[in-house]
Amino acid sequence: MNAVHDTMARQGLVRPRDGRMVGGVCAGLGRRFGLDPWIARLLFVLILFVIPGSQILVYPILWVLMPSEQTEFSATTPPATW
């Protein structure tokens, strides 16, 4: 699984920390292809009307496969815990 995450990260397919609505998949795809996240979400919904059901399967798969964007922490700033 780490190999898939590394490959996607090298290609620029990461789920950003900011601008997420649900999982950040559309925001990540929009960033990768130079689109605003809202345009990527709109295209996602429009494609849902053309090919019903396909996004219901694709979105969760991409959510698992796309790594989350890494943030750089300094030595004095501990990462947030949930």
Protein backbone atom coordinates (compact mmCIF):
# COMPACT_ATOMS: atom_id res chain seq x y z
CA MET A 1 0.00 0.00 0.00
CA ASN A 2 2.91 2.36 0.71
CA ALA A 3 4.12 1.90 -2.86
CA VAL A 4 0.76 3.13 -4.16
CA HIS A 5 0.83 6.14 -1.81
CA ASP A 6 4.41 6.98 -2.85
CA THR A 7 3.57 6.73 -6.54
CA MET A 8 0.53 8.99 -6.21
CA ALA A 9 2.45 11.48 -4.09
CA ARG A 10 5.20 11.70 -6.73
CA GLN A 11 2.55 12.38 -9.38
CA GLY A 12 1.00 15.14 -7.28
CA LEU A 13 -2.14 13.22 -6.36
CA VAL A 14 -2.51 14.02 -2.67
CA ARG A 15 -5.48 15.00 -0.56
CA PRO A 16 -4.76 18.53 0.72
CA ARG A 17 -5.18 19.40 4.38
CA ASP A 18 -7.08 22.59 3.53
CA GLY A 19 -10.09 22.88 1.23
CA ARG A 20 -11.54 19.48 2.02
CA MET A 21 -15.27 18.93 1.97
CA VAL A 22 -15.49 15.19 2.70
CA GLY A 23 -12.22 13.39 2.10
CA GLY A 24 -10.30 15.83 -0.05
CA VAL A 25 -10.35 13.67 -3.19
CA CYS A 26 -11.92 16.29 -5.48
CA ALA A 27 -9.71 19.02 -4.02
CA GLY A 28 -6.65 16.85 -4.65
CA LEU A 29 -7.71 16.03 -8.20
CA GLY A 30 -8.46 19.70 -8.85
CA ARG A 31 -5.06 20.76 -7.54
CA ARG A 32 -3.30 18.10 -9.64
CA PHE A 33 -5.00 19.20 -12.85
CA GLY A 34 -4.91 22.94 -12.12
CA LEU A 35 -8.61 23.36 -11.35
CA ASP A 36 -10.35 25.10 -8.51
CA PRO A 37 -11.75 22.53 -6.03
CA TRP A 38 -15.30 23.71 -6.71
CA ILE A 39 -14.89 23.09 -10.44
CA ALA A 40 -13.52 19.60 -9.72
CA ARG A 41 -16.53 18.90 -7.47
CA LEU A 42 -18.93 20.20 -10.10
CA LEU A 43 -17.34 18.00 -12.77
CA PHE A 44 -17.58 15.06 -10.37
CA VAL A 45 -21.33 15.61 -9.95
CA LEU A 46 -21.90 16.20 -13.68
CA ILE A 47 -20.12 12.96 -14.53
CA LEU A 48 -22.37 11.25 -11.98
CA PHE A 49 -25.35 12.22 -14.15
CA VAL A 50 -23.68 10.92 -17.32
CA ILE A 51 -22.37 7.67 -15.83
CA PRO A 52 -24.58 6.94 -12.81
CA GLY A 53 -23.00 5.14 -9.90
CA SER A 54 -19.41 5.17 -11.09
CA GLN A 55 -18.32 7.90 -8.68
CA ILE A 56 -19.90 6.09 -5.75
CA LEU A 57 -17.27 3.40 -6.32
CA VAL A 58 -14.39 5.61 -7.47
CA TYR A 59 -14.48 8.21 -4.66
CA PRO A 60 -13.94 5.79 -1.74
CA ILE A 61 -11.23 3.93 -3.67
CA LEU A 62 -9.36 7.19 -4.34
CA TRP A 63 -9.90 8.25 -0.72
CA VAL A 64 -8.02 5.14 0.40
CA LEU A 65 -5.35 5.23 -2.31
CA MET A 66 -4.53 8.96 -2.33
CA PRO A 67 -2.18 9.88 0.51
CA SER A 68 -2.98 12.81 2.72
CA GLU A 69 -0.80 15.86 2.27
CA GLN A 70 2.13 15.91 4.67
CA THR A 71 2.69 18.95 6.81
CA GLU A 72 6.09 19.97 8.03
CA PHE A 73 6.39 20.33 11.78
CA SER A 74 9.21 22.08 13.53
CA ALA A 75 10.93 20.56 16.53
CA THR A 76 9.05 22.95 18.83
CA THR A 77 5.61 22.40 17.32
CA PRO A 78 4.15 18.98 18.10
CA PRO A 79 1.62 17.55 15.61
CA ALA A 80 -2.04 17.93 16.54
CA THR A 81 -3.63 14.84 18.04
CA TRP A 82 -7.23 13.92 17.54
